[in-house]
PDB file of N, CA and C in Angstrom:
ATOM      1  N   MET A   1     134.209  74.651 259.061  1.00  0.00           N
ATOM      2  CA  MET A   1     133.201  74.107 258.248  1.00  0.00           C
ATOM      3  C   MET A   1     131.900  75.064 258.244  1.00  0.00           C
ATOM      4  N   LEU A   2     131.503  75.267 257.075  1.00  0.00           N
ATOM      5  CA  LEU A   2     130.342  76.105 256.837  1.00  0.00           C
ATOM      6  C   LEU A   2     129.039  75.367 257.106  1.00  0.00           C
ATOM      7  N   ASN A   3     128.003  75.968 257.789  1.00  0.00           N
ATOM      8  CA  ASN A   3     126.717  75.393 257.923  1.00  0.00           C
ATOM      9  C   ASN A   3     125.746  76.514 257.690  1.00  0.00           C
ATOM     10  N   PRO A   4     125.541  77.033 256.474  1.00  0.00           N
ATOM     11  CA  PRO A   4     124.645  78.018 256.095  1.00  0.00           C
ATOM     12  C   PRO A   4     123.218  77.628 256.138  1.00  0.00           C
ATOM     13  N   ASP A   5     122.332  78.455 256.353  1.00  0.00           N
ATOM     14  CA  ASP A   5     120.859  78.098 256.247  1.00  0.00           C
ATOM     15  C   ASP A   5     120.538  77.859 254.783  1.00  0.00           C
ATOM     16  N   ILE A   6     120.265  76.581 254.352  1.00  0.00           N
ATOM     17  CA  ILE A   6     120.044  76.242 253.035  1.00  0.00           C
ATOM     18  C   ILE A   6     118.668  76.915 252.586  1.00  0.00           C
ATOM     19  N   LYS A   7     117.715  77.044 253.381  1.00  0.00           N
ATOM     20  CA  LYS A   7     116.496  77.671 253.002  1.00  0.00           C
ATOM     21  C   LYS A   7     116.753  79.152 252.521  1.00  0.00           C
ATOM     22  N   LYS A   8     117.585  79.903 253.316  1.00  0.00           N
ATOM     23  CA  LYS A   8     117.879  81.260 252.997  1.00  0.00           C
ATOM     24  C   LYS A   8     118.631  81.360 251.698  1.00  0.00           C
ATOM     25  N   LEU A   9     119.555  80.439 251.327  1.00  0.00           N
ATOM     26  CA  LEU A   9     120.320  80.473 250.126  1.00  0.00           C
ATOM     27  C   LEU A   9     119.296  80.144 248.941  1.00  0.00           C
ATOM     28  N   ILE A  10     118.406  79.212 249.154  1.00  0.00           N
ATOM     29  CA  ILE A  10     117.491  78.851 248.031  1.00  0.00           C
ATOM     30  C   ILE A  10     116.560  80.001 247.797  1.00  0.00           C
ATOM     31  N   ASP A  11     116.108  80.713 248.851  1.00  0.00           N
ATOM     32  CA  ASP A  11     115.154  81.802 248.586  1.00  0.00           C
ATOM     33  C   ASP A  11     115.957  82.956 248.028  1.00  0.00           C
ATOM     34  N   LYS A  12     117.194  83.149 248.473  1.00  0.00           N
ATOM     35  CA  LYS A  12     117.934  84.357 247.994  1.00  0.00           C
ATOM     36  C   LYS A  12     118.269  84.184 246.533  1.00  0.00           C
ATOM     37  N   GLN A  13     118.571  82.963 246.061  1.00  0.00           N
ATOM     38  CA  GLN A  13     119.036  82.621 244.693  1.00  0.00           C
ATOM     39  C   GLN A  13     117.811  82.294 243.848  1.00  0.00           C
ATOM     40  N   GLU A  14     116.615  82.132 244.431  1.00  0.00           N
ATOM     41  CA  GLU A  14     115.437  81.716 243.783  1.00  0.00           C
ATOM     42  C   GLU A  14     115.601  80.523 242.918  1.00  0.00           C
ATOM     43  N   ILE A  15     116.160  79.429 243.596  1.00  0.00           N
ATOM     44  CA  ILE A  15     116.534  78.084 242.889  1.00  0.00           C
ATOM     45  C   ILE A  15     115.864  77.025 243.853  1.00  0.00           C
ATOM     46  N   ASN A  16     116.069  75.750 243.400  1.00  0.00           N
ATOM     47  CA  ASN A  16     115.735  74.654 244.098  1.00  0.00           C
ATOM     48  C   ASN A  16     116.988  73.974 244.744  1.00  0.00           C
ATOM     49  N   ARG A  17     116.843  72.933 245.590  1.00  0.00           N
ATOM     50  CA  ARG A  17     117.968  72.274 246.267  1.00  0.00           C
ATOM     51  C   ARG A  17     118.818  71.603 245.228  1.00  0.00           C
ATOM     52  N   TYR A  18     118.298  71.063 244.245  1.00  0.00           N
ATOM     53  CA  TYR A  18     119.065  70.314 243.269  1.00  0.00           C
ATOM     54  C   TYR A  18     120.069  71.295 242.464  1.00  0.00           C
ATOM     55  N   ALA A  19     119.432  72.483 242.102  1.00  0.00           N
ATOM     56  CA  ALA A  19     120.220  73.454 241.474  1.00  0.00           C
ATOM     57  C   ALA A  19     121.367  73.987 242.343  1.00  0.00           C
ATOM     58  N   LEU A  20     121.008  74.206 243.608  1.00  0.00           N
ATOM     59  CA  LEU A  20     122.040  74.706 244.632  1.00  0.00           C
ATOM     60  C   LEU A  20     123.189  73.648 244.704  1.00  0.00           C
ATOM     61  N   VAL A  21     122.892  72.433 244.844  1.00  0.00           N
ATOM     62  CA  VAL A  21     123.981  71.472 244.943  1.00  0.00           C
ATOM     63  C   VAL A  21     124.823  71.336 243.693  1.00  0.00           C
ATOM     64  N   THR A  22     124.123  71.284 242.591  1.00  0.00           N
ATOM     65  CA  THR A  22     124.877  71.164 241.222  1.00  0.00           C
ATOM     66  C   THR A  22     125.676  72.430 241.000  1.00  0.00           C
ATOM     67  N   GLY A  23     125.095  73.588 241.345  1.00  0.00           N
ATOM     68  CA  GLY A  23     125.825  74.865 240.958  1.00  0.00           C
ATOM     69  C   GLY A  23     127.063  75.012 241.869  1.00  0.00           C
ATOM     70  N   VAL A  24     126.924  74.678 243.121  1.00  0.00           N
ATOM     71  CA  VAL A  24     128.034  74.815 244.081  1.00  0.00           C
ATOM     72  C   VAL A  24     129.083  73.809 243.711  1.00  0.00           C
ATOM     73  N   ALA A  25     128.707  72.569 243.336  1.00  0.00           N
ATOM     74  CA  ALA A  25     129.598  71.486 242.962  1.00  0.00           C
ATOM     75  C   ALA A  25     130.427  71.849 241.699  1.00  0.00           C
ATOM     76  N   LYS A  26     129.739  72.474 240.713  1.00  0.00           N
ATOM     77  CA  LYS A  26     130.314  72.810 239.446  1.00  0.00           C
ATOM     78  C   LYS A  26     131.357  73.949 239.734  1.00  0.00           C
ATOM     79  N   ARG A  27     131.006  74.913 240.588  1.00  0.00           N
ATOM     80  CA  ARG A  27     131.977  75.994 240.986  1.00  0.00           C
ATOM     81  C   ARG A  27     133.230  75.419 241.734  1.00  0.00           C
ATOM     82  N   ALA A  28     132.942  74.484 242.595  1.00  0.00           N
ATOM     83  CA  ALA A  28     133.994  73.862 243.336  1.00  0.00           C
ATOM     84  C   ALA A  28     135.043  73.186 242.371  1.00  0.00           C
ATOM     85  N   ARG A  29     134.444  72.461 241.396  1.00  0.00           N
ATOM     86  CA  ARG A  29     135.356  71.805 240.395  1.00  0.00           C
ATOM     87  C   ARG A  29     136.190  72.886 239.621  1.00  0.00           C
ATOM     88  N   GLN A  30     135.579  73.984 239.272  1.00  0.00           N
ATOM     89  CA  GLN A  30     136.361  75.071 238.609  1.00  0.00           C
ATOM     90  C   GLN A  30     137.445  75.604 239.595  1.00  0.00           C
ATOM     91  N   ILE A  31     137.211  75.785 240.770  1.00  0.00           N
ATOM     92  CA  ILE A  31     138.271  76.244 241.738  1.00  0.00           C
ATOM     93  C   ILE A  31     139.321  75.312 241.875  1.00  0.00           C
ATOM     94  N   ALA A  32     139.051  74.030 242.002  1.00  0.00           N
ATOM     95  CA  ALA A  32     140.028  72.964 242.069  1.00  0.00           C
ATOM     96  C   ALA A  32     140.877  72.893 240.813  1.00  0.00           C
ATOM     97  N   SER A  33     140.246  72.955 239.686  1.00  0.00           N
ATOM     98  CA  SER A  33     140.796  72.901 238.347  1.00  0.00           C
ATOM     99  C   SER A  33     141.867  74.184 238.224  1.00  0.00           C
ATOM    100  N   ASP A  34     141.269  75.304 238.562  1.00  0.00           N
ATOM    101  CA  ASP A  34     142.189  76.502 238.445  1.00  0.00           C
ATOM    102  C   ASP A  34     143.362  76.390 239.263  1.00  0.00           C
ATOM    103  N   ALA A  35     143.203  75.797 240.532  1.00  0.00           N
ATOM    104  CA  ALA A  35     144.332  75.715 241.482  1.00  0.00           C
ATOM    105  C   ALA A  35     145.347  74.795 240.909  1.00  0.00           C
ATOM    106  N   GLU A  36     144.851  73.690 240.414  1.00  0.00           N
ATOM    107  CA  GLU A  36     145.764  72.678 239.791  1.00  0.00           C
ATOM    108  C   GLU A  36     146.554  73.153 238.669  1.00  0.00           C
ATOM    109  N   ASP A  37     145.895  74.017 237.795  1.00  0.00           N
ATOM    110  CA  ASP A  37     146.538  74.548 236.590  1.00  0.00           C
ATOM    111  C   ASP A  37     147.677  75.487 237.069  1.00  0.00           C
ATOM    112  N   LYS A  38     147.422  76.280 238.189  1.00  0.00           N
ATOM    113  CA  LYS A  38     148.344  77.265 238.644  1.00  0.00           C
ATOM    114  C   LYS A  38     149.285  76.723 239.656  1.00  0.00           C
ATOM    115  N   ASP A  39     149.230  75.374 239.918  1.00  0.00           N
ATOM    116  CA  ASP A  39     150.097  74.730 240.999  1.00  0.00           C
ATOM    117  C   ASP A  39     149.923  75.423 242.433  1.00  0.00           C
ATOM    118  N   MET A  40     148.760  75.756 242.709  1.00  0.00           N
ATOM    119  CA  MET A  40     148.436  76.419 244.045  1.00  0.00           C
ATOM    120  C   MET A  40     148.065  75.288 244.938  1.00  0.00           C
ATOM    121  N   ILE A  41     148.375  75.506 246.301  1.00  0.00           N
ATOM    122  CA  ILE A  41     147.879  74.737 247.300  1.00  0.00           C
ATOM    123  C   ILE A  41     146.721  75.442 247.976  1.00  0.00           C
ATOM    124  N   LEU A  42     145.568  74.830 248.049  1.00  0.00           N
ATOM    125  CA  LEU A  42     144.306  75.520 248.687  1.00  0.00           C
ATOM    126  C   LEU A  42     144.302  75.311 250.183  1.00  0.00           C
ATOM    127  N   GLN A  43     144.078  76.375 250.931  1.00  0.00           N
ATOM    128  CA  GLN A  43     143.979  76.331 252.318  1.00  0.00           C
ATOM    129  C   GLN A  43     142.630  75.722 252.866  1.00  0.00           C
ATOM    130  N   ASP A  44     141.549  76.034 251.913  1.00  0.00           N
ATOM    131  CA  ASP A  44     140.287  75.475 252.282  1.00  0.00           C
ATOM    132  C   ASP A  44     139.843  74.395 251.272  1.00  0.00           C
ATOM    133  N   LYS A  45     138.901  73.671 251.428  1.00  0.00           N
ATOM    134  CA  LYS A  45     138.334  72.760 250.545  1.00  0.00           C
ATOM    135  C   LYS A  45     137.585  73.558 249.428  1.00  0.00           C
ATOM    136  N   PRO A  46     137.738  73.063 248.209  1.00  0.00           N
ATOM    137  CA  PRO A  46     136.941  73.832 247.070  1.00  0.00           C
ATOM    138  C   PRO A  46     135.544  73.998 247.365  1.00  0.00           C
ATOM    139  N   ILE A  47     134.811  73.006 247.925  1.00  0.00           N
ATOM    140  CA  ILE A  47     133.432  73.111 248.127  1.00  0.00           C
ATOM    141  C   ILE A  47     133.065  74.228 249.148  1.00  0.00           C
ATOM    142  N   SER A  48     133.998  74.393 250.155  1.00  0.00           N
ATOM    143  CA  SER A  48     133.727  75.492 251.133  1.00  0.00           C
ATOM    144  C   SER A  48     133.975  76.837 250.526  1.00  0.00           C
ATOM    145  N   MET A  49     134.946  76.969 249.629  1.00  0.00           N
ATOM    146  CA  MET A  49     135.195  78.150 248.985  1.00  0.00           C
ATOM    147  C   MET A  49     134.169  78.533 248.028  1.00  0.00           C
ATOM    148  N   ALA A  50     133.587  77.493 247.316  1.00  0.00           N
ATOM    149  CA  ALA A  50     132.448  77.733 246.379  1.00  0.00           C
ATOM    150  C   ALA A  50     131.234  78.227 247.145  1.00  0.00           C
ATOM    151  N   LEU A  51     130.935  77.594 248.234  1.00  0.00           N
ATOM    152  CA  LEU A  51     129.843  77.995 249.068  1.00  0.00           C
ATOM    153  C   LEU A  51     129.889  79.360 249.681  1.00  0.00           C
ATOM    154  N   GLN A  52     131.049  79.676 250.099  1.00  0.00           N
ATOM    155  CA  GLN A  52     131.354  81.061 250.654  1.00  0.00           C
ATOM    156  C   GLN A  52     131.218  82.130 249.529  1.00  0.00           C
ATOM    157  N   GLU A  53     131.685  81.727 248.333  1.00  0.00           N
ATOM    158  CA  GLU A  53     131.417  82.632 247.245  1.00  0.00           C
ATOM    159  C   GLU A  53     129.938  82.978 246.880  1.00  0.00           C
ATOM    160  N   LEU A  54     129.231  81.896 246.971  1.00  0.00           N
ATOM    161  CA  LEU A  54     127.752  82.020 246.757  1.00  0.00           C
ATOM    162  C   LEU A  54     127.080  82.935 247.809  1.00  0.00           C
ATOM    163  N   ILE A  55     127.459  82.633 249.075  1.00  0.00           N
ATOM    164  CA  ILE A  55     126.984  83.406 250.167  1.00  0.00           C
ATOM    165  C   ILE A  55     127.420  84.888 250.033  1.00  0.00           C
ATOM    166  N   ASP A  56     128.561  85.183 249.459  1.00  0.00           N
ATOM    167  CA  ASP A  56     129.070  86.547 249.315  1.00  0.00           C
ATOM    168  C   ASP A  56     128.580  87.127 248.108  1.00  0.00           C
ATOM    169  N   ASP A  57     127.723  86.484 247.229  1.00  0.00           N
ATOM    170  CA  ASP A  57     127.109  86.944 246.087  1.00  0.00           C
ATOM    171  C   ASP A  57     128.169  87.207 244.949  1.00  0.00           C
ATOM    172  N   LYS A  58     129.188  86.348 244.933  1.00  0.00           N
ATOM    173  CA  LYS A  58     130.291  86.505 243.845  1.00  0.00           C
ATOM    174  C   LYS A  58     129.867  85.846 242.605  1.00  0.00           C
ATOM    175  N   TYR A  59     128.858  84.896 242.736  1.00  0.00           N
ATOM    176  CA  TYR A  59     128.282  84.280 241.460  1.00  0.00           C
ATOM    177  C   TYR A  59     126.852  83.870 241.859  1.00  0.00           C
ATOM    178  N   TYR A  60     126.125  83.673 240.708  1.00  0.00           N
ATOM    179  CA  TYR A  60     124.745  83.317 240.878  1.00  0.00           C
ATOM    180  C   TYR A  60     124.472  82.101 240.080  1.00  0.00           C
ATOM    181  N   ILE A  61     123.498  81.209 240.574  1.00  0.00           N
ATOM    182  CA  ILE A  61     123.201  79.956 239.873  1.00  0.00           C
ATOM    183  C   ILE A  61     121.921  80.378 239.046  1.00  0.00           C
ATOM    184  N   ILE A  62     121.944  80.090 237.757  1.00  0.00           N
ATOM    185  CA  ILE A  62     120.879  80.313 236.824  1.00  0.00           C
ATOM    186  C   ILE A  62     120.287  79.071 236.339  1.00  0.00           C
ATOM    187  N   LEU A  63     119.046  78.872 236.404  1.00  0.00           N
ATOM    188  CA  LEU A  63     118.369  77.780 236.040  1.00  0.00           C
ATOM    189  C   LEU A  63     118.174  77.773 234.522  1.00  0.00           C
ATOM    190  N   PRO A  64     118.334  76.652 233.781  1.00  0.00           N
ATOM    191  CA  PRO A  64     118.157  76.740 232.317  1.00  0.00           C
ATOM    192  C   PRO A  64     116.562  76.915 232.056  1.00  0.00           C
ATOM    193  N   GLN A  65     116.358  77.588 231.036  1.00  0.00           N
ATOM    194  CA  GLN A  65     114.964  77.820 230.560  1.00  0.00           C
ATOM    195  C   GLN A  65     114.352  76.707 229.791  1.00  0.00           C
TER     196      GLN A  65
END
């Protein structure tokens, strides 16, 4: 289970907590949907995978203007 420092993620992404939660949840749904479409069995939970991708800078959360 990941326990990243939320403050560091928020500062690194320059977003607020709400945007962090919704952005990671949206990516987790995409991961789960892609795995279901490809009949893949995930070893980790989609939320953990999405959070790890965010930590590794594989995607960024952009706030609407």
